[in-house]
Amino acid sequence: MKKIIYTLLFLVLINCSTKKESNSLYSDTLIQKTFTKNEIKDLQKILDFFNSEICKSAQENINDCYLNYCSKIRTEIKKHGMYKVHIDFQKQYEIYKQINSNTFSEIWLFQQSLPLRERKDTLKYLGFNNNSKYIKFLNEYGKENKAVKDYVNSFNIASDFGPSMISQVIMNYEAFQIEDIKSKLLIAIHYLTLNDQNLRKEKY
């Protein structure tokens, strides 16, 4: 009887360990190969923040959170022709302060959003850094995931975070294999970038 109990406890511990590892960027070989330990620590902060925003409770299955979140945005697009990212931008802004500026530049850079219609100011506009480790990571990941390959190819062609990339994630999110921690990072950075673009009103 004791042997059965110990076996069950062992299986539970393994299961818990696997679940924890699946949410950790440190467990992925490509991420470890591409980024330094300090950069991974910062990326984990970004991912943990995104996870906390899209999951209603810590007990929710993280894969379900991503699928439900992406499905919600696709439904909004189909019904209304527009969507909201549903991420608290003030909290997102605070996360920026918690990560090293070098890590930030290995993902993003600020561009100029020129005056448009009644807006007369030139504003900061967040985009991907062409020469960043993040783009290098996406190109490598794209070798094993076709949806990621199409996504990053759209960026490489336009050298910009454009409509094609946005559409691919909204309409074809299932193909990104969200259960993979690398795809979770892609989805998180994708929607945090969009949220910043939509809500930041800061002069350049």
Protein backbone atom coordinates (compact mmCIF):
# COMPACT_ATOMS: atom_id res chain seq x y z
CA MET A 1 0.00 0.00 0.00
CA LYS A 2 2.81 2.37 0.94
CA LYS A 3 4.51 1.55 -2.35
CA ILE A 4 1.38 2.59 -4.28
CA ILE A 5 1.11 5.86 -2.32
CA TYR A 6 4.78 6.71 -2.95
CA THR A 7 4.35 5.94 -6.65
CA LEU A 8 1.32 8.23 -6.89
CA LEU A 9 3.14 11.03 -5.05
CA PHE A 10 6.10 10.63 -7.38
CA LEU A 11 3.87 10.92 -10.44
CA VAL A 12 2.17 14.02 -9.03
CA LEU A 13 5.54 15.66 -8.37
CA ILE A 14 6.72 14.89 -11.89
CA ASN A 15 3.51 16.30 -13.32
CA CYS A 16 3.83 19.51 -11.29
CA SER A 17 7.47 19.85 -12.26
CA THR A 18 6.62 19.46 -15.95
CA LYS A 19 3.87 22.07 -15.75
CA LYS A 20 6.21 24.51 -14.04
CA GLU A 21 8.95 23.88 -16.60
CA SER A 22 6.57 24.42 -19.52
CA ASN A 23 6.06 28.02 -18.36
CA SER A 24 9.77 28.68 -17.93
CA LEU A 25 11.95 30.12 -20.68
CA TYR A 26 15.01 28.62 -19.00
CA SER A 27 13.84 25.17 -20.08
CA ASP A 28 14.16 25.87 -23.81
CA THR A 29 17.40 25.16 -25.67
CA LEU A 30 16.95 27.75 -28.44
CA ILE A 31 16.15 30.51 -25.95
CA GLN A 32 19.21 29.60 -23.88
CA LYS A 33 21.33 29.57 -27.04
CA THR A 34 20.08 32.98 -28.22
CA PHE A 35 19.85 35.06 -25.05
CA THR A 36 22.05 35.61 -21.98
CA LYS A 37 20.87 34.53 -18.52
CA ASN A 38 20.04 38.13 -17.60
CA GLU A 39 18.10 38.62 -20.83
CA ILE A 40 16.14 35.41 -20.21
CA LYS A 41 15.36 36.67 -16.71
CA ASP A 42 13.92 39.85 -18.23
CA LEU A 43 12.02 37.94 -20.90
CA GLN A 44 10.53 35.75 -18.18
CA LYS A 45 9.27 38.89 -16.41
CA ILE A 46 7.62 40.00 -19.64
CA LEU A 47 6.07 36.57 -20.17
CA ASP A 48 4.90 36.25 -16.56
CA PHE A 49 3.23 39.67 -16.79
CA PHE A 50 1.42 38.74 -19.99
CA ASN A 51 0.33 35.43 -18.47
CA SER A 52 -1.06 37.21 -15.42
CA GLU A 53 -3.06 39.55 -17.66
CA ILE A 54 -4.68 36.87 -19.80
CA CYS A 55 -5.32 34.27 -17.06
CA LYS A 56 -8.13 34.97 -14.61
CA SER A 57 -6.52 32.82 -11.92
CA ALA A 58 -3.27 31.00 -11.25
CA GLN A 59 -5.17 27.70 -11.34
CA GLU A 60 -6.07 28.03 -15.01
CA ASN A 61 -4.26 25.90 -17.56
CA ILE A 62 -1.84 28.28 -19.28
CA ASN A 63 -2.39 26.75 -22.73
CA ASP A 64 -6.15 27.28 -22.36
CA CYS A 65 -5.50 30.90 -21.37
CA TYR A 66 -3.60 31.53 -24.61
CA LEU A 67 -6.15 29.76 -26.78
CA ASN A 68 -9.08 31.57 -25.15
CA TYR A 69 -7.32 34.93 -25.39
CA CYS A 70 -6.47 34.52 -29.09
CA SER A 71 -9.95 33.19 -29.83
CA LYS A 72 -11.50 36.21 -28.10
CA ILE A 73 -9.53 38.63 -30.28
CA ARG A 74 -10.40 36.75 -33.47
CA THR A 75 -14.08 36.80 -32.50
CA GLU A 76 -13.92 40.57 -31.91
CA ILE A 77 -12.39 41.08 -35.36
CA LYS A 78 -15.07 38.98 -37.05
CA LYS A 79 -17.92 40.69 -35.22
CA HIS A 80 -16.77 44.29 -35.08
CA GLY A 81 -13.86 44.62 -37.51
CA MET A 82 -11.64 45.76 -34.63
CA TYR A 83 -10.20 44.42 -31.41
CA LYS A 84 -8.75 45.40 -28.04
CA VAL A 85 -5.60 43.84 -26.65
CA HIS A 86 -7.09 43.76 -23.13
CA ILE A 87 -3.77 44.43 -21.39
CA ASP A 88 -3.38 47.11 -18.71
CA PHE A 89 -0.93 49.52 -20.37
CA GLN A 90 0.05 51.25 -17.13
CA LYS A 91 1.12 47.90 -15.70
CA GLN A 92 2.91 47.12 -18.95
CA TYR A 93 4.75 50.43 -18.71
CA GLU A 94 5.89 49.48 -15.20
CA ILE A 95 7.24 46.16 -16.50
CA TYR A 96 9.45 48.10 -18.94
CA LYS A 97 11.09 49.76 -15.93
CA GLN A 98 11.91 46.36 -14.43
CA ILE A 99 13.89 45.08 -17.39
CA ASN A 100 17.33 46.13 -18.52
CA SER A 101 17.50 48.65 -21.36
CA ASN A 102 19.80 46.29 -23.28
CA THR A 103 17.17 43.55 -23.12
CA PHE A 104 14.54 46.02 -24.33
CA SER A 105 16.71 46.92 -27.34
CA GLU A 106 17.19 43.23 -28.15
CA ILE A 107 13.46 43.18 -28.92
CA TRP A 108 12.19 46.68 -29.66
CA LEU A 109 13.11 50.14 -30.79
CA PHE A 110 11.14 53.37 -31.02
CA GLN A 111 10.30 54.85 -34.39
CA GLN A 112 8.53 58.06 -35.36
CA SER A 113 4.81 58.12 -35.96
CA LEU A 114 4.36 61.20 -38.13
CA PRO A 115 1.47 63.67 -37.69
CA LEU A 116 -1.79 62.29 -39.03
CA ARG A 117 -5.10 64.07 -39.71
CA GLU A 118 -5.89 66.33 -36.76
CA ARG A 119 -2.91 65.05 -34.72
CA LYS A 120 -0.02 67.49 -35.10
CA ASP A 121 2.58 65.84 -32.90
CA THR A 122 5.21 63.28 -33.89
CA LEU A 123 4.79 60.36 -31.48
CA LYS A 124 6.89 57.43 -30.33
CA TYR A 125 5.96 54.22 -32.11
CA LEU A 126 7.19 50.86 -30.84
CA GLY A 127 8.46 48.34 -33.37
CA PHE A 128 10.82 45.39 -33.60
CA ASN A 129 14.55 46.00 -33.80
CA ASN A 130 15.71 44.56 -37.14
CA ASN A 131 19.13 43.57 -35.78
CA SER A 132 17.92 42.20 -32.46
CA LYS A 133 18.44 38.82 -30.86
CA TYR A 134 14.65 38.48 -30.85
CA ILE A 135 14.48 38.55 -34.66
CA LYS A 136 17.39 36.11 -34.77
CA PHE A 137 15.43 33.88 -32.40
CA LEU A 138 12.30 34.05 -34.60
CA ASN A 139 14.30 33.19 -37.71
CA GLU A 140 15.76 30.13 -35.98
CA TYR A 141 12.42 29.08 -34.53
CA GLY A 142 10.86 29.45 -37.97
CA LYS A 143 13.01 26.53 -39.18
CA GLU A 144 10.86 24.18 -37.09
CA ASN A 145 7.51 26.00 -37.12
CA LYS A 146 6.00 27.07 -40.46
CA ALA A 147 3.60 29.61 -38.94
CA VAL A 148 6.54 31.33 -37.23
CA LYS A 149 8.52 31.20 -40.47
CA ASP A 150 5.70 32.98 -42.34
CA TYR A 151 5.39 35.50 -39.49
CA VAL A 152 9.06 36.47 -39.37
CA ASN A 153 9.36 36.39 -43.19
CA SER A 154 6.66 39.07 -43.30
CA PHE A 155 8.82 41.17 -41.01
CA ASN A 156 12.02 40.48 -42.96
CA ILE A 157 10.38 41.56 -46.22
CA ALA A 158 8.86 44.77 -44.87
CA SER A 159 11.43 45.47 -42.10
CA ASP A 160 8.42 46.53 -40.07
CA PHE A 161 5.80 45.13 -37.72
CA GLY A 162 3.03 45.22 -40.29
CA PRO A 163 -0.60 44.23 -40.98
CA SER A 164 0.37 40.86 -42.43
CA MET A 165 1.94 39.77 -39.13
CA ILE A 166 -1.07 40.99 -37.16
CA SER A 167 -3.46 39.11 -39.43
CA GLN A 168 -1.44 35.89 -39.26
CA VAL A 169 -1.59 35.75 -35.46
CA ILE A 170 -5.26 36.71 -35.26
CA MET A 171 -6.59 34.37 -37.91
CA ASN A 172 -4.12 31.49 -37.71
CA TYR A 173 -3.05 31.36 -34.05
CA GLU A 174 -3.66 27.59 -33.75
CA ALA A 175 -0.84 26.93 -36.24
CA PHE A 176 1.71 28.58 -33.94
CA GLN A 177 1.58 25.58 -31.58
CA ILE A 178 0.87 27.64 -28.49
CA GLU A 179 1.78 24.80 -26.14
CA ASP A 180 5.44 25.50 -27.00
CA ILE A 181 7.03 28.05 -24.65
CA LYS A 182 8.68 29.74 -27.64
CA SER A 183 5.28 30.41 -29.21
CA LYS A 184 3.97 31.75 -25.92
CA LEU A 185 6.84 34.24 -25.92
CA LEU A 186 6.03 35.22 -29.52
CA ILE A 187 2.33 35.74 -28.73
CA ALA A 188 3.14 37.74 -25.59
CA ILE A 189 5.60 40.08 -27.30
CA HIS A 190 3.31 40.39 -30.32
CA TYR A 191 0.32 41.61 -28.33
CA LEU A 192 2.35 43.75 -25.93
CA THR A 193 3.83 45.48 -28.98
CA LEU A 194 0.36 46.10 -30.40
CA ASN A 195 -0.89 47.35 -27.05
CA ASP A 196 1.96 49.84 -26.88
CA GLN A 197 1.33 50.99 -30.44
CA ASN A 198 -2.38 51.49 -29.75
CA LEU A 199 -2.15 53.22 -26.38
CA ARG A 200 1.16 55.11 -26.12
CA LYS A 201 0.72 58.87 -26.64
CA GLU A 202 4.23 60.12 -26.10
CA LYS A 203 6.04 62.75 -28.16
CA TYR A 204 9.10 61.56 -30.04
